[in-house]
PDB file of N, CA and C in Angstrom:
ATOM      1  N   MET A   1      62.828  28.836 106.252  1.00  0.00           N
ATOM      2  CA  MET A   1      64.372  29.546 106.858  1.00  0.00           C
ATOM      3  C   MET A   1      65.584  28.876 106.341  1.00  0.00           C
ATOM      4  N   PRO A   2      66.443  29.695 105.693  1.00  0.00           N
ATOM      5  CA  PRO A   2      67.571  28.890 105.025  1.00  0.00           C
ATOM      6  C   PRO A   2      68.377  28.088 106.319  1.00  0.00           C
ATOM      7  N   VAL A   3      69.074  27.232 105.751  1.00  0.00           N
ATOM      8  CA  VAL A   3      69.768  26.196 106.657  1.00  0.00           C
ATOM      9  C   VAL A   3      71.380  27.117 106.946  1.00  0.00           C
ATOM     10  N   ILE A   4      71.519  27.010 108.193  1.00  0.00           N
ATOM     11  CA  ILE A   4      73.081  27.665 108.777  1.00  0.00           C
ATOM     12  C   ILE A   4      73.822  26.450 108.488  1.00  0.00           C
ATOM     13  N   THR A   5      74.949  27.084 107.909  1.00  0.00           N
ATOM     14  CA  THR A   5      76.147  25.964 107.332  1.00  0.00           C
ATOM     15  C   THR A   5      77.363  26.649 108.255  1.00  0.00           C
ATOM     16  N   PRO A   6      78.124  25.950 109.414  1.00  0.00           N
ATOM     17  CA  PRO A   6      79.469  26.320 109.913  1.00  0.00           C
ATOM     18  C   PRO A   6      80.576  26.169 108.629  1.00  0.00           C
ATOM     19  N   ILE A   7      81.335  27.094 108.647  1.00  0.00           N
ATOM     20  CA  ILE A   7      82.579  26.815 107.676  1.00  0.00           C
ATOM     21  C   ILE A   7      83.689  26.550 108.540  1.00  0.00           C
ATOM     22  N   SER A   8      84.669  25.568 108.192  1.00  0.00           N
ATOM     23  CA  SER A   8      85.547  25.115 108.766  1.00  0.00           C
ATOM     24  C   SER A   8      86.655  25.863 108.101  1.00  0.00           C
ATOM     25  N   ALA A   9      87.776  26.141 109.211  1.00  0.00           N
ATOM     26  CA  ALA A   9      89.019  26.978 108.716  1.00  0.00           C
ATOM     27  C   ALA A   9      90.367  26.085 109.538  1.00  0.00           C
ATOM     28  N   THR A  10      91.286  26.096 109.013  1.00  0.00           N
ATOM     29  CA  THR A  10      92.382  25.581 109.817  1.00  0.00           C
ATOM     30  C   THR A  10      93.040  26.632 110.357  1.00  0.00           C
ATOM     31  N   SER A  11      93.860  26.666 111.584  1.00  0.00           N
ATOM     32  CA  SER A  11      94.943  27.420 112.109  1.00  0.00           C
ATOM     33  C   SER A  11      95.620  28.187 111.475  1.00  0.00           C
ATOM     34  N   GLU A  12      96.110  27.301 110.303  1.00  0.00           N
ATOM     35  CA  GLU A  12      97.099  27.960 109.311  1.00  0.00           C
ATOM     36  C   GLU A  12      96.465  28.934 108.611  1.00  0.00           C
ATOM     37  N   GLN A  13      95.030  28.683 107.845  1.00  0.00           N
ATOM     38  CA  GLN A  13      94.339  29.566 107.199  1.00  0.00           C
ATOM     39  C   GLN A  13      93.938  31.108 107.781  1.00  0.00           C
ATOM     40  N   LEU A  14      93.275  30.815 109.193  1.00  0.00           N
ATOM     41  CA  LEU A  14      93.058  32.074 110.016  1.00  0.00           C
ATOM     42  C   LEU A  14      94.390  32.729 110.216  1.00  0.00           C
ATOM     43  N   ALA A  15      95.486  32.243 110.491  1.00  0.00           N
ATOM     44  CA  ALA A  15      97.009  32.816 110.690  1.00  0.00           C
ATOM     45  C   ALA A  15      97.218  33.574 109.327  1.00  0.00           C
ATOM     46  N   ALA A  16      96.620  33.352 108.384  1.00  0.00           N
ATOM     47  CA  ALA A  16      97.263  34.049 107.054  1.00  0.00           C
ATOM     48  C   ALA A  16      96.528  35.327 106.768  1.00  0.00           C
ATOM     49  N   ILE A  17      95.529  35.681 107.728  1.00  0.00           N
ATOM     50  CA  ILE A  17      94.607  36.645 107.695  1.00  0.00           C
ATOM     51  C   ILE A  17      95.423  37.885 108.309  1.00  0.00           C
ATOM     52  N   ARG A  18      95.942  38.871 107.289  1.00  0.00           N
ATOM     53  CA  ARG A  18      96.450  40.332 107.763  1.00  0.00           C
ATOM     54  C   ARG A  18      95.566  41.440 108.233  1.00  0.00           C
ATOM     55  N   TYR A  19      95.541  41.538 109.518  1.00  0.00           N
ATOM     56  CA  TYR A  19      94.620  42.575 109.994  1.00  0.00           C
ATOM     57  C   TYR A  19      95.340  43.922 110.169  1.00  0.00           C
ATOM     58  N   ASP A  20      94.884  45.060 110.110  1.00  0.00           N
ATOM     59  CA  ASP A  20      95.110  46.380 109.817  1.00  0.00           C
ATOM     60  C   ASP A  20      95.504  46.624 111.358  1.00  0.00           C
ATOM     61  N   ALA A  21      96.053  48.076 111.457  1.00  0.00           N
ATOM     62  CA  ALA A  21      96.774  48.606 112.885  1.00  0.00           C
ATOM     63  C   ALA A  21      95.404  48.686 113.670  1.00  0.00           C
ATOM     64  N   ASP A  22      94.492  48.726 113.453  1.00  0.00           N
ATOM     65  CA  ASP A  22      93.206  48.515 114.372  1.00  0.00           C
ATOM     66  C   ASP A  22      92.660  46.764 114.633  1.00  0.00           C
ATOM     67  N   GLY A  23      93.284  46.334 113.793  1.00  0.00           N
ATOM     68  CA  GLY A  23      93.025  44.698 114.150  1.00  0.00           C
ATOM     69  C   GLY A  23      91.609  44.488 113.231  1.00  0.00           C
ATOM     70  N   LEU A  24      91.326  45.239 112.087  1.00  0.00           N
ATOM     71  CA  LEU A  24      90.336  44.922 111.288  1.00  0.00           C
ATOM     72  C   LEU A  24      90.996  44.422 109.760  1.00  0.00           C
ATOM     73  N   VAL A  25      89.675  43.963 109.176  1.00  0.00           N
ATOM     74  CA  VAL A  25      89.940  43.534 107.748  1.00  0.00           C
ATOM     75  C   VAL A  25      88.887  43.764 107.044  1.00  0.00           C
ATOM     76  N   PRO A  26      88.841  44.179 105.706  1.00  0.00           N
ATOM     77  CA  PRO A  26      87.404  44.220 104.937  1.00  0.00           C
ATOM     78  C   PRO A  26      86.883  43.023 104.650  1.00  0.00           C
ATOM     79  N   ALA A  27      85.571  43.041 104.922  1.00  0.00           N
ATOM     80  CA  ALA A  27      84.922  41.744 104.416  1.00  0.00           C
ATOM     81  C   ALA A  27      83.967  42.176 103.338  1.00  0.00           C
ATOM     82  N   ILE A  28      83.903  41.877 102.012  1.00  0.00           N
ATOM     83  CA  ILE A  28      83.159  41.756 100.974  1.00  0.00           C
ATOM     84  C   ILE A  28      81.916  40.630 101.224  1.00  0.00           C
ATOM     85  N   VAL A  29      80.816  41.228 100.886  1.00  0.00           N
ATOM     86  CA  VAL A  29      79.738  40.278 101.086  1.00  0.00           C
ATOM     87  C   VAL A  29      78.844  40.165  99.590  1.00  0.00           C
ATOM     88  N   GLN A  30      78.926  38.817  98.998  1.00  0.00           N
ATOM     89  CA  GLN A  30      78.801  38.797  97.621  1.00  0.00           C
ATOM     90  C   GLN A  30      77.328  37.942  97.696  1.00  0.00           C
ATOM     91  N   GLU A  31      76.414  37.945  96.823  1.00  0.00           N
ATOM     92  CA  GLU A  31      75.305  37.465  96.542  1.00  0.00           C
ATOM     93  C   GLU A  31      75.400  35.789  96.332  1.00  0.00           C
ATOM     94  N   GLU A  32      74.866  34.780  96.725  1.00  0.00           N
ATOM     95  CA  GLU A  32      75.025  33.426  96.015  1.00  0.00           C
ATOM     96  C   GLU A  32      73.916  33.381  94.882  1.00  0.00           C
ATOM     97  N   GLY A  33      74.367  32.941  93.767  1.00  0.00           N
ATOM     98  CA  GLY A  33      73.550  32.822  92.671  1.00  0.00           C
ATOM     99  C   GLY A  33      73.858  34.192  91.750  1.00  0.00           C
ATOM    100  N   THR A  34      73.747  35.237  92.155  1.00  0.00           N
ATOM    101  CA  THR A  34      73.632  36.267  91.276  1.00  0.00           C
ATOM    102  C   THR A  34      75.254  36.859  91.157  1.00  0.00           C
ATOM    103  N   GLY A  35      76.019  36.646  92.209  1.00  0.00           N
ATOM    104  CA  GLY A  35      77.599  37.227  92.058  1.00  0.00           C
ATOM    105  C   GLY A  35      77.528  38.718  92.770  1.00  0.00           C
ATOM    106  N   ARG A  36      76.257  39.376  92.903  1.00  0.00           N
ATOM    107  CA  ARG A  36      76.134  40.735  93.185  1.00  0.00           C
ATOM    108  C   ARG A  36      77.013  40.955  94.339  1.00  0.00           C
ATOM    109  N   VAL A  37      77.523  42.019  94.567  1.00  0.00           N
ATOM    110  CA  VAL A  37      78.013  42.256  95.691  1.00  0.00           C
ATOM    111  C   VAL A  37      77.133  43.472  96.600  1.00  0.00           C
ATOM    112  N   LEU A  38      77.028  43.004  97.713  1.00  0.00           N
ATOM    113  CA  LEU A  38      75.711  43.322  98.593  1.00  0.00           C
ATOM    114  C   LEU A  38      76.296  44.649  99.545  1.00  0.00           C
ATOM    115  N   MET A  39      77.710  44.394  99.653  1.00  0.00           N
ATOM    116  CA  MET A  39      78.193  45.299 101.165  1.00  0.00           C
ATOM    117  C   MET A  39      79.734  45.105 101.145  1.00  0.00           C
ATOM    118  N   MET A  40      80.096  46.013 102.059  1.00  0.00           N
ATOM    119  CA  MET A  40      81.420  45.795 102.958  1.00  0.00           C
ATOM    120  C   MET A  40      81.626  46.141 104.089  1.00  0.00           C
ATOM    121  N   ALA A  41      81.980  45.508 104.812  1.00  0.00           N
ATOM    122  CA  ALA A  41      82.002  45.776 106.395  1.00  0.00           C
ATOM    123  C   ALA A  41      83.419  45.449 106.941  1.00  0.00           C
ATOM    124  N   TRP A  42      83.568  45.546 108.257  1.00  0.00           N
ATOM    125  CA  TRP A  42      84.923  45.270 108.913  1.00  0.00           C
ATOM    126  C   TRP A  42      84.792  43.946 109.835  1.00  0.00           C
ATOM    127  N   MET A  43      85.604  43.274 109.970  1.00  0.00           N
ATOM    128  CA  MET A  43      85.877  41.866 110.602  1.00  0.00           C
ATOM    129  C   MET A  43      86.841  42.182 111.617  1.00  0.00           C
ATOM    130  N   ASN A  44      87.229  41.786 112.808  1.00  0.00           N
ATOM    131  CA  ASN A  44      88.387  41.590 113.562  1.00  0.00           C
ATOM    132  C   ASN A  44      88.124  39.703 113.856  1.00  0.00           C
ATOM    133  N   ALA A  45      89.361  39.548 114.593  1.00  0.00           N
ATOM    134  CA  ALA A  45      89.455  38.000 114.575  1.00  0.00           C
ATOM    135  C   ALA A  45      88.297  37.356 115.117  1.00  0.00           C
ATOM    136  N   GLU A  46      87.639  38.070 115.754  1.00  0.00           N
ATOM    137  CA  GLU A  46      86.570  37.253 116.734  1.00  0.00           C
ATOM    138  C   GLU A  46      85.311  37.530 115.904  1.00  0.00           C
ATOM    139  N   SER A  47      85.261  38.459 114.964  1.00  0.00           N
ATOM    140  CA  SER A  47      83.961  38.509 114.306  1.00  0.00           C
ATOM    141  C   SER A  47      84.195  37.360 113.015  1.00  0.00           C
ATOM    142  N   LEU A  48      85.216  37.316 113.010  1.00  0.00           N
ATOM    143  CA  LEU A  48      85.600  36.276 111.577  1.00  0.00           C
ATOM    144  C   LEU A  48      85.114  34.715 112.277  1.00  0.00           C
ATOM    145  N   ALA A  49      85.708  34.599 113.279  1.00  0.00           N
ATOM    146  CA  ALA A  49      85.422  33.360 114.220  1.00  0.00           C
ATOM    147  C   ALA A  49      84.117  33.163 114.324  1.00  0.00           C
ATOM    148  N   ARG A  50      83.050  33.936 114.608  1.00  0.00           N
ATOM    149  CA  ARG A  50      81.982  34.187 114.992  1.00  0.00           C
ATOM    150  C   ARG A  50      81.001  33.773 113.586  1.00  0.00           C
ATOM    151  N   THR A  51      81.657  34.274 112.505  1.00  0.00           N
ATOM    152  CA  THR A  51      81.072  34.074 111.350  1.00  0.00           C
ATOM    153  C   THR A  51      81.259  32.589 110.739  1.00  0.00           C
ATOM    154  N   LEU A  52      82.358  32.215 111.178  1.00  0.00           N
ATOM    155  CA  LEU A  52      82.893  30.823 110.344  1.00  0.00           C
ATOM    156  C   LEU A  52      82.007  29.850 111.229  1.00  0.00           C
ATOM    157  N   GLU A  53      81.889  30.033 112.510  1.00  0.00           N
ATOM    158  CA  GLU A  53      81.174  29.136 113.435  1.00  0.00           C
ATOM    159  C   GLU A  53      79.828  29.137 113.327  1.00  0.00           C
ATOM    160  N   THR A  54      79.175  30.088 113.142  1.00  0.00           N
ATOM    161  CA  THR A  54      77.731  30.052 113.251  1.00  0.00           C
ATOM    162  C   THR A  54      76.976  30.151 111.937  1.00  0.00           C
ATOM    163  N   GLY A  55      77.834  30.383 110.735  1.00  0.00           N
ATOM    164  CA  GLY A  55      77.271  30.607 109.496  1.00  0.00           C
ATOM    165  C   GLY A  55      76.294  31.663 109.284  1.00  0.00           C
ATOM    166  N   ARG A  56      76.559  32.358 109.977  1.00  0.00           N
ATOM    167  CA  ARG A  56      75.932  33.985 109.843  1.00  0.00           C
ATOM    168  C   ARG A  56      77.112  35.077 109.904  1.00  0.00           C
ATOM    169  N   THR A  57      77.010  36.139 108.941  1.00  0.00           N
ATOM    170  CA  THR A  57      77.941  37.367 109.173  1.00  0.00           C
ATOM    171  C   THR A  57      77.875  38.151 110.275  1.00  0.00           C
ATOM    172  N   TRP A  58      78.903  38.349 110.872  1.00  0.00           N
ATOM    173  CA  TRP A  58      79.004  39.013 112.148  1.00  0.00           C
ATOM    174  C   TRP A  58      80.020  39.994 111.814  1.00  0.00           C
ATOM    175  N   PHE A  59      79.773  41.377 112.206  1.00  0.00           N
ATOM    176  CA  PHE A  59      80.824  42.354 111.550  1.00  0.00           C
ATOM    177  C   PHE A  59      81.345  42.983 113.126  1.00  0.00           C
ATOM    178  N   TRP A  60      81.960  43.721 112.951  1.00  0.00           N
ATOM    179  CA  TRP A  60      82.777  44.553 114.180  1.00  0.00           C
ATOM    180  C   TRP A  60      82.300  46.232 113.713  1.00  0.00           C
ATOM    181  N   SER A  61      81.565  46.971 114.333  1.00  0.00           N
ATOM    182  CA  SER A  61      81.097  48.414 114.051  1.00  0.00           C
ATOM    183  C   SER A  61      82.342  49.089 114.721  1.00  0.00           C
ATOM    184  N   ARG A  62      82.880  49.938 113.629  1.00  0.00           N
ATOM    185  CA  ARG A  62      83.992  50.858 114.243  1.00  0.00           C
ATOM    186  C   ARG A  62      83.307  52.092 114.741  1.00  0.00           C
ATOM    187  N   SER A  63      82.091  52.529 114.489  1.00  0.00           N
ATOM    188  CA  SER A  63      81.432  53.726 115.092  1.00  0.00           C
ATOM    189  C   SER A  63      80.715  53.257 116.390  1.00  0.00           C
ATOM    190  N   ARG A  64      80.102  52.277 116.586  1.00  0.00           N
ATOM    191  CA  ARG A  64      79.730  51.794 117.890  1.00  0.00           C
ATOM    192  C   ARG A  64      80.532  50.828 118.689  1.00  0.00           C
ATOM    193  N   GLN A  65      81.709  50.656 118.117  1.00  0.00           N
ATOM    194  CA  GLN A  65      82.559  49.879 118.916  1.00  0.00           C
ATOM    195  C   GLN A  65      81.912  48.711 119.488  1.00  0.00           C
ATOM    196  N   GLU A  66      81.444  47.562 118.473  1.00  0.00           N
ATOM    197  CA  GLU A  66      80.745  46.515 118.868  1.00  0.00           C
ATOM    198  C   GLU A  66      80.368  45.351 118.065  1.00  0.00           C
ATOM    199  N   TYR A  67      80.228  44.325 118.516  1.00  0.00           N
ATOM    200  CA  TYR A  67      79.989  43.468 117.589  1.00  0.00           C
ATOM    201  C   TYR A  67      78.419  43.588 117.022  1.00  0.00           C
ATOM    202  N   TRP A  68      78.227  42.718 115.428  1.00  0.00           N
ATOM    203  CA  TRP A  68      76.489  43.265 115.243  1.00  0.00           C
ATOM    204  C   TRP A  68      76.657  41.967 114.319  1.00  0.00           C
ATOM    205  N   CYS A  69      75.585  41.154 114.340  1.00  0.00           N
ATOM    206  CA  CYS A  69      75.090  39.991 113.421  1.00  0.00           C
ATOM    207  C   CYS A  69      74.190  40.838 112.413  1.00  0.00           C
ATOM    208  N   LYS A  70      74.610  40.431 111.188  1.00  0.00           N
ATOM    209  CA  LYS A  70      73.451  41.187 110.378  1.00  0.00           C
ATOM    210  C   LYS A  70      72.247  40.569 109.973  1.00  0.00           C
ATOM    211  N   GLY A  71      71.429  41.472 109.941  1.00  0.00           N
ATOM    212  CA  GLY A  71      69.847  41.138 110.045  1.00  0.00           C
ATOM    213  C   GLY A  71      69.245  40.858 111.648  1.00  0.00           C
ATOM    214  N   GLU A  72      69.956  40.895 112.350  1.00  0.00           N
ATOM    215  CA  GLU A  72      69.420  40.642 113.941  1.00  0.00           C
ATOM    216  C   GLU A  72      68.259  41.440 114.061  1.00  0.00           C
ATOM    217  N   THR A  73      68.380  42.824 113.944  1.00  0.00           N
ATOM    218  CA  THR A  73      67.094  43.998 114.160  1.00  0.00           C
ATOM    219  C   THR A  73      66.278  44.116 112.959  1.00  0.00           C
ATOM    220  N   SER A  74      66.888  43.945 111.826  1.00  0.00           N
ATOM    221  CA  SER A  74      66.258  44.238 110.402  1.00  0.00           C
ATOM    222  C   SER A  74      65.611  42.688 110.122  1.00  0.00           C
ATOM    223  N   GLY A  75      65.938  42.015 110.258  1.00  0.00           N
ATOM    224  CA  GLY A  75      65.221  40.697 109.501  1.00  0.00           C
ATOM    225  C   GLY A  75      66.175  40.129 108.424  1.00  0.00           C
ATOM    226  N   ASP A  76      67.059  41.317 108.031  1.00  0.00           N
ATOM    227  CA  ASP A  76      67.514  41.064 106.555  1.00  0.00           C
ATOM    228  C   ASP A  76      69.009  40.178 106.983  1.00  0.00           C
ATOM    229  N   ARG A  77      68.744  38.915 107.077  1.00  0.00           N
ATOM    230  CA  ARG A  77      70.054  37.868 107.656  1.00  0.00           C
ATOM    231  C   ARG A  77      70.733  37.493 106.514  1.00  0.00           C
ATOM    232  N   GLN A  78      71.945  37.214 106.699  1.00  0.00           N
ATOM    233  CA  GLN A  78      73.107  36.507 105.489  1.00  0.00           C
ATOM    234  C   GLN A  78      73.353  35.218 106.306  1.00  0.00           C
ATOM    235  N   TYR A  79      73.297  34.343 105.394  1.00  0.00           N
ATOM    236  CA  TYR A  79      73.546  32.902 105.650  1.00  0.00           C
ATOM    237  C   TYR A  79      74.894  32.697 104.856  1.00  0.00           C
ATOM    238  N   VAL A  80      75.847  32.436 105.449  1.00  0.00           N
ATOM    239  CA  VAL A  80      77.187  32.056 104.771  1.00  0.00           C
ATOM    240  C   VAL A  80      77.456  30.624 103.823  1.00  0.00           C
ATOM    241  N   ARG A  81      77.542  30.815 102.568  1.00  0.00           N
ATOM    242  CA  ARG A  81      77.586  29.531 101.928  1.00  0.00           C
ATOM    243  C   ARG A  81      79.306  29.253 101.363  1.00  0.00           C
ATOM    244  N   GLU A  82      79.942  30.133 101.269  1.00  0.00           N
ATOM    245  CA  GLU A  82      81.289  30.004 100.659  1.00  0.00           C
ATOM    246  C   GLU A  82      81.993  31.181 101.563  1.00  0.00           C
ATOM    247  N   ALA A  83      83.223  30.983 102.145  1.00  0.00           N
ATOM    248  CA  ALA A  83      83.966  31.895 102.438  1.00  0.00           C
ATOM    249  C   ALA A  83      85.453  31.668 101.890  1.00  0.00           C
ATOM    250  N   TYR A  84      85.979  33.084 101.764  1.00  0.00           N
ATOM    251  CA  TYR A  84      87.515  32.971 100.876  1.00  0.00           C
ATOM    252  C   TYR A  84      88.456  34.314 101.629  1.00  0.00           C
ATOM    253  N   TYR A  85      89.673  34.405 101.490  1.00  0.00           N
ATOM    254  CA  TYR A  85      90.557  35.124 101.817  1.00  0.00           C
ATOM    255  C   TYR A  85      91.338  35.613 100.433  1.00  0.00           C
ATOM    256  N   ASP A  86      91.964  36.578 100.484  1.00  0.00           N
ATOM    257  CA  ASP A  86      92.416  37.036  99.084  1.00  0.00           C
ATOM    258  C   ASP A  86      94.013  36.287  99.310  1.00  0.00           C
ATOM    259  N   CYS A  87      94.683  36.791  97.970  1.00  0.00           N
ATOM    260  CA  CYS A  87      96.074  36.125  98.034  1.00  0.00           C
ATOM    261  C   CYS A  87      97.090  36.751  98.972  1.00  0.00           C
ATOM    262  N   ASP A  88      96.739  38.162  99.415  1.00  0.00           N
ATOM    263  CA  ASP A  88      97.391  38.742 100.362  1.00  0.00           C
ATOM    264  C   ASP A  88      96.936  38.693 101.856  1.00  0.00           C
ATOM    265  N   GLY A  89      95.577  37.949 101.641  1.00  0.00           N
ATOM    266  CA  GLY A  89      95.284  37.704 103.282  1.00  0.00           C
ATOM    267  C   GLY A  89      94.482  39.004 103.887  1.00  0.00           C
ATOM    268  N   ASP A  90      94.494  40.183 103.039  1.00  0.00           N
ATOM    269  CA  ASP A  90      93.883  41.318 103.508  1.00  0.00           C
ATOM    270  C   ASP A  90      92.560  41.773 103.333  1.00  0.00           C
ATOM    271  N   THR A  91      91.665  40.970 102.616  1.00  0.00           N
ATOM    272  CA  THR A  91      90.171  40.915 102.172  1.00  0.00           C
ATOM    273  C   THR A  91      89.817  39.635 102.374  1.00  0.00           C
ATOM    274  N   LEU A  92      88.658  39.651 102.995  1.00  0.00           N
ATOM    275  CA  LEU A  92      87.809  38.507 103.107  1.00  0.00           C
ATOM    276  C   LEU A  92      86.464  38.672 102.189  1.00  0.00           C
ATOM    277  N   LEU A  93      86.001  37.667 101.521  1.00  0.00           N
ATOM    278  CA  LEU A  93      84.774  37.517 100.604  1.00  0.00           C
ATOM    279  C   LEU A  93      83.921  36.513 101.274  1.00  0.00           C
ATOM    280  N   PHE A  94      82.774  36.981 101.361  1.00  0.00           N
ATOM    281  CA  PHE A  94      81.668  35.844 102.031  1.00  0.00           C
ATOM    282  C   PHE A  94      80.666  35.740 100.863  1.00  0.00           C
ATOM    283  N   VAL A  95      80.201  34.621 100.502  1.00  0.00           N
ATOM    284  CA  VAL A  95      79.337  34.484  99.471  1.00  0.00           C
ATOM    285  C   VAL A  95      78.067  34.173 100.349  1.00  0.00           C
ATOM    286  N   VAL A  96      76.690  34.546 100.265  1.00  0.00           N
ATOM    287  CA  VAL A  96      75.681  34.453 101.377  1.00  0.00           C
ATOM    288  C   VAL A  96      74.560  34.125 100.415  1.00  0.00           C
ATOM    289  N   GLU A  97      73.702  33.632 101.233  1.00  0.00           N
ATOM    290  CA  GLU A  97      72.121  33.578 100.948  1.00  0.00           C
ATOM    291  C   GLU A  97      71.513  34.763 101.611  1.00  0.00           C
ATOM    292  N   GLN A  98      71.061  35.685 100.999  1.00  0.00           N
ATOM    293  CA  GLN A  98      70.635  37.017 101.592  1.00  0.00           C
ATOM    294  C   GLN A  98      68.813  36.882 101.875  1.00  0.00           C
ATOM    295  N   GLU A  99      68.612  37.050 102.932  1.00  0.00           N
ATOM    296  CA  GLU A  99      67.125  36.954 103.513  1.00  0.00           C
ATOM    297  C   GLU A  99      66.766  38.489 103.618  1.00  0.00           C
ATOM    298  N   GLY A 100      65.431  38.572 103.495  1.00  0.00           N
ATOM    299  CA  GLY A 100      64.822  39.677 103.581  1.00  0.00           C
ATOM    300  C   GLY A 100      65.004  40.913 102.450  1.00  0.00           C
ATOM    301  N   LYS A 101      65.062  42.051 102.648  1.00  0.00           N
ATOM    302  CA  LYS A 101      64.778  43.128 101.794  1.00  0.00           C
ATOM    303  C   LYS A 101      65.994  43.264 101.226  1.00  0.00           C
ATOM    304  N   GLY A 102      67.163  42.777 101.638  1.00  0.00           N
ATOM    305  CA  GLY A 102      68.702  43.197 101.146  1.00  0.00           C
ATOM    306  C   GLY A 102      69.628  43.597 102.277  1.00  0.00           C
ATOM    307  N   ALA A 103      70.725  43.956 101.786  1.00  0.00           N
ATOM    308  CA  ALA A 103      71.606  44.343 102.801  1.00  0.00           C
ATOM    309  C   ALA A 103      72.005  45.605 103.303  1.00  0.00           C
ATOM    310  N   CYS A 104      71.298  46.596 102.632  1.00  0.00           N
ATOM    311  CA  CYS A 104      71.982  48.059 102.846  1.00  0.00           C
ATOM    312  C   CYS A 104      70.887  48.509 103.810  1.00  0.00           C
ATOM    313  N   HIS A 105      71.459  49.580 104.859  1.00  0.00           N
ATOM    314  CA  HIS A 105      70.695  49.895 105.622  1.00  0.00           C
ATOM    315  C   HIS A 105      69.840  51.195 105.261  1.00  0.00           C
ATOM    316  N   THR A 106      70.071  51.806 103.706  1.00  0.00           N
ATOM    317  CA  THR A 106      69.046  52.529 103.427  1.00  0.00           C
ATOM    318  C   THR A 106      67.929  51.914 102.784  1.00  0.00           C
ATOM    319  N   GLY A 107      67.737  50.577 102.500  1.00  0.00           N
ATOM    320  CA  GLY A 107      66.427  49.915 102.248  1.00  0.00           C
ATOM    321  C   GLY A 107      67.015  49.464 100.663  1.00  0.00           C
ATOM    322  N   GLU A 108      68.097  50.260 100.215  1.00  0.00           N
ATOM    323  CA  GLU A 108      68.527  49.488  98.962  1.00  0.00           C
ATOM    324  C   GLU A 108      69.130  47.999  99.130  1.00  0.00           C
ATOM    325  N   TYR A 109      68.792  47.140  98.162  1.00  0.00           N
ATOM    326  CA  TYR A 109      69.125  45.590  98.195  1.00  0.00           C
ATOM    327  C   TYR A 109      70.576  45.615  98.546  1.00  0.00           C
ATOM    328  N   SER A 110      71.628  46.163  97.596  1.00  0.00           N
ATOM    329  CA  SER A 110      72.968  46.473  98.076  1.00  0.00           C
ATOM    330  C   SER A 110      73.301  47.542  98.160  1.00  0.00           C
ATOM    331  N   CYS A 111      74.538  47.971  99.207  1.00  0.00           N
ATOM    332  CA  CYS A 111      74.979  49.138  99.265  1.00  0.00           C
ATOM    333  C   CYS A 111      75.533  49.884  98.057  1.00  0.00           C
ATOM    334  N   PHE A 112      75.726  49.160  97.287  1.00  0.00           N
ATOM    335  CA  PHE A 112      76.560  49.654  95.938  1.00  0.00           C
ATOM    336  C   PHE A 112      75.385  50.102  94.893  1.00  0.00           C
ATOM    337  N   PHE A 113      74.330  50.911  95.454  1.00  0.00           N
ATOM    338  CA  PHE A 113      73.609  51.228  94.119  1.00  0.00           C
ATOM    339  C   PHE A 113      73.663  52.852  93.607  1.00  0.00           C
ATOM    340  N   ARG A 114      74.892  53.312  93.986  1.00  0.00           N
ATOM    341  CA  ARG A 114      75.108  54.446  92.985  1.00  0.00           C
ATOM    342  C   ARG A 114      76.221  54.295  92.352  1.00  0.00           C
ATOM    343  N   ALA A 115      76.188  54.832  91.240  1.00  0.00           N
ATOM    344  CA  ALA A 115      77.184  54.636  89.900  1.00  0.00           C
ATOM    345  C   ALA A 115      78.077  56.106  89.747  1.00  0.00           C
ATOM    346  N   PHE A 116      79.111  56.176  89.444  1.00  0.00           N
ATOM    347  CA  PHE A 116      79.819  57.395  88.884  1.00  0.00           C
ATOM    348  C   PHE A 116      79.596  57.617  87.191  1.00  0.00           C
ATOM    349  N   GLY A 117      79.745  58.664  86.925  1.00  0.00           N
ATOM    350  CA  GLY A 117      79.426  59.017  85.748  1.00  0.00           C
ATOM    351  C   GLY A 117      78.071  59.759  85.595  1.00  0.00           C
ATOM    352  N   SER A 118      78.134  60.149  84.164  1.00  0.00           N
ATOM    353  CA  SER A 118      76.710  61.169  83.944  1.00  0.00           C
ATOM    354  C   SER A 118      75.409  60.407  84.397  1.00  0.00           C
ATOM    355  N   ASP A 119      75.197  59.045  84.153  1.00  0.00           N
ATOM    356  CA  ASP A 119      74.110  58.354  84.498  1.00  0.00           C
ATOM    357  C   ASP A 119      73.726  58.048  85.992  1.00  0.00           C
ATOM    358  N   GLY A 120      74.976  58.336  86.824  1.00  0.00           N
ATOM    359  CA  GLY A 120      74.927  57.998  87.905  1.00  0.00           C
ATOM    360  C   GLY A 120      74.326  58.797  88.904  1.00  0.00           C
TER     361      GLY A 120
END
């Protein structure tokens, strides 16, 4: 089982996050080692706090209106290794150790498995 590593953040860093009108911020999840983008989901202040405190990715489901910890039902857990916020504070990036079959609910390893263009 991967090691759980909480990520520390200062109140100043947390205050720099800019949430949208619904109190959400997009969170991109990238695989440690490969750099592959696995997924994007939404976080609010509470799910960001849970992610940093637990070292596991927590998101806010806009459709279900509830928190979800990635992999709790599927077993495809994500263990946070690094956490970033962008220059504007309006996008988060988490570098994770992906456990299980991948991040996408369709069964694909990444949610970004479709490409534009004639070969896509």
